[in-house]
Amino acid sequence: MAEGSYEVVFYRSPRGECFTEAFLNELPAKVRGKILRWLEALETHGPQLPRPYADIVRGKIRELRIVFSSSHYRLLMREWENRV
């Protein structure tokens, strides 16, 4: 992995369920596409994306903020090593 790049890893429950993937798969294609583009930006810049695109929620918990039309989407994240 190149310096400055991050791996985006979605949480999986102990039973192997990935709620983020399930959520993304239920969204309309245009919304899902926009969120996936922001996840690509997250891979490049990590959680250091500037406001209003990302912000600190509390402690090490951050959020990725995506707006599509009048809808607001928030994805929570935490950084460790080169992963978010």
C-alpha atoms as a PDB file:
ATOM      1  CA  MET A   1       0.000   0.000   0.000  1.00  0.00           C
ATOM      2  CA  ALA A   2       1.436   3.381  -0.971  1.00  0.00           C
ATOM      3  CA  GLU A   3       2.239   5.903   1.723  1.00  0.00           C
ATOM      4  CA  GLY A   4      -0.751   8.163   2.364  1.00  0.00           C
ATOM      5  CA  SER A   5      -3.291   5.596   1.237  1.00  0.00           C
ATOM      6  CA  TYR A   6      -5.808   3.872   3.464  1.00  0.00           C
ATOM      7  CA  GLU A   7      -7.749   0.645   3.341  1.00  0.00           C
ATOM      8  CA  VAL A   8     -11.480   1.052   3.962  1.00  0.00           C
ATOM      9  CA  VAL A   9     -12.734  -1.890   6.036  1.00  0.00           C
ATOM     10  CA  PHE A  10     -16.400  -2.368   6.922  1.00  0.00           C
ATOM     11  CA  TYR A  11     -17.365  -3.807  10.308  1.00  0.00           C
ATOM     12  CA  ARG A  12     -18.627  -7.389  10.278  1.00  0.00           C
ATOM     13  CA  SER A  13     -20.679  -8.796  13.131  1.00  0.00           C
ATOM     14  CA  PRO A  14     -19.549 -12.005  14.835  1.00  0.00           C
ATOM     15  CA  ARG A  15     -21.999 -13.814  12.510  1.00  0.00           C
ATOM     16  CA  GLY A  16     -20.291 -12.293   9.469  1.00  0.00           C
ATOM     17  CA  GLU A  17     -23.003  -9.751   8.648  1.00  0.00           C
ATOM     18  CA  CYS A  18     -21.884  -6.467   7.110  1.00  0.00           C
ATOM     19  CA  PHE A  19     -24.559  -3.880   7.805  1.00  0.00           C
ATOM     20  CA  THR A  20     -22.795  -1.191   5.760  1.00  0.00           C
ATOM     21  CA  GLU A  21     -22.757  -3.339   2.621  1.00  0.00           C
ATOM     22  CA  ALA A  22     -26.423  -4.246   3.161  1.00  0.00           C
ATOM     23  CA  PHE A  23     -27.286  -0.549   3.576  1.00  0.00           C
ATOM     24  CA  LEU A  24     -25.347   0.460   0.451  1.00  0.00           C
ATOM     25  CA  ASN A  25     -26.956  -2.303  -1.623  1.00  0.00           C
ATOM     26  CA  GLU A  26     -30.442  -1.006  -0.759  1.00  0.00           C
ATOM     27  CA  LEU A  27     -29.727   2.545  -1.947  1.00  0.00           C
ATOM     28  CA  PRO A  28     -30.619   3.856  -5.410  1.00  0.00           C
ATOM     29  CA  ALA A  29     -27.708   3.492  -7.862  1.00  0.00           C
ATOM     30  CA  LYS A  30     -26.943   7.233  -8.044  1.00  0.00           C
ATOM     31  CA  VAL A  31     -26.759   7.609  -4.265  1.00  0.00           C
ATOM     32  CA  ARG A  32     -24.668   4.447  -3.891  1.00  0.00           C
ATOM     33  CA  GLY A  33     -22.323   5.727  -6.632  1.00  0.00           C
ATOM     34  CA  LYS A  34     -21.770   9.013  -4.847  1.00  0.00           C
ATOM     35  CA  ILE A  35     -21.084   7.281  -1.538  1.00  0.00           C
ATOM     36  CA  LEU A  36     -18.643   4.893  -3.226  1.00  0.00           C
ATOM     37  CA  ARG A  37     -16.787   7.860  -4.748  1.00  0.00           C
ATOM     38  CA  TRP A  38     -16.428   9.374  -1.268  1.00  0.00           C
ATOM     39  CA  LEU A  39     -15.183   6.040   0.050  1.00  0.00           C
ATOM     40  CA  GLU A  40     -12.522   6.169  -2.691  1.00  0.00           C
ATOM     41  CA  ALA A  41     -11.565   9.671  -1.485  1.00  0.00           C
ATOM     42  CA  LEU A  42     -11.339   8.227   2.018  1.00  0.00           C
ATOM     43  CA  GLU A  43      -8.897   5.591   0.708  1.00  0.00           C
ATOM     44  CA  THR A  44      -6.698   8.389  -0.645  1.00  0.00           C
ATOM     45  CA  HIS A  45      -6.934  10.974   2.136  1.00  0.00           C
ATOM     46  CA  GLY A  46      -7.979   8.910   5.140  1.00  0.00           C
ATOM     47  CA  PRO A  47     -10.063  10.439   7.893  1.00  0.00           C
ATOM     48  CA  GLN A  48      -8.272  13.770   7.390  1.00  0.00           C
ATOM     49  CA  LEU A  49     -10.861  14.878   4.823  1.00  0.00           C
ATOM     50  CA  PRO A  50     -11.824  18.477   5.650  1.00  0.00           C
ATOM     51  CA  ARG A  51     -15.144  19.670   6.981  1.00  0.00           C
ATOM     52  CA  PRO A  52     -17.889  19.502   5.795  1.00  0.00           C
ATOM     53  CA  TYR A  53     -16.947  16.135   4.227  1.00  0.00           C
ATOM     54  CA  ALA A  54     -15.732  14.553   7.479  1.00  0.00           C
ATOM     55  CA  ASP A  55     -15.726  15.532  11.128  1.00  0.00           C
ATOM     56  CA  ILE A  56     -14.940  14.241  14.605  1.00  0.00           C
ATOM     57  CA  VAL A  57     -17.917  12.792  16.477  1.00  0.00           C
ATOM     58  CA  ARG A  58     -16.163  12.015  19.774  1.00  0.00           C
ATOM     59  CA  GLY A  59     -12.685  10.821  20.641  1.00  0.00           C
ATOM     60  CA  LYS A  60     -11.382   8.659  17.798  1.00  0.00           C
ATOM     61  CA  ILE A  61     -14.806   8.253  16.195  1.00  0.00           C
ATOM     62  CA  ARG A  62     -15.253  10.265  13.003  1.00  0.00           C
ATOM     63  CA  GLU A  63     -17.965  10.517  10.398  1.00  0.00           C
ATOM     64  CA  LEU A  64     -17.958  10.751   6.636  1.00  0.00           C
ATOM     65  CA  ARG A  65     -20.690  13.182   5.577  1.00  0.00           C
ATOM     66  CA  ILE A  66     -22.363  12.795   2.210  1.00  0.00           C
ATOM     67  CA  VAL A  67     -25.210  14.926   0.857  1.00  0.00           C
ATOM     68  CA  PHE A  68     -27.303  13.792  -2.086  1.00  0.00           C
ATOM     69  CA  SER A  69     -30.132  16.109  -3.056  1.00  0.00           C
ATOM     70  CA  SER A  70     -31.937  16.817   0.217  1.00  0.00           C
ATOM     71  CA  SER A  71     -30.743  13.606   1.927  1.00  0.00           C
ATOM     72  CA  HIS A  72     -27.810  13.472   4.330  1.00  0.00           C
ATOM     73  CA  TYR A  73     -25.829  10.251   4.859  1.00  0.00           C
ATOM     74  CA  ARG A  74     -23.343   9.633   7.661  1.00  0.00           C
ATOM     75  CA  LEU A  75     -20.867   6.754   7.863  1.00  0.00           C
ATOM     76  CA  LEU A  76     -19.035   6.353  11.167  1.00  0.00           C
ATOM     77  CA  MET A  77     -15.376   5.388  11.109  1.00  0.00           C
ATOM     78  CA  ARG A  78     -12.301   4.940  13.236  1.00  0.00           C
ATOM     79  CA  GLU A  79      -8.684   5.026  12.064  1.00  0.00           C
ATOM     80  CA  TRP A  80      -6.137   2.380  13.022  1.00  0.00           C
ATOM     81  CA  GLU A  81      -2.824   1.901  11.290  1.00  0.00           C
ATOM     82  CA  ASN A  82      -3.616   2.679   7.626  1.00  0.00           C
ATOM     83  CA  ARG A  83      -7.212   1.533   7.854  1.00  0.00           C
ATOM     84  CA  VAL A  84     -10.503   3.299   8.351  1.00  0.00           C
END
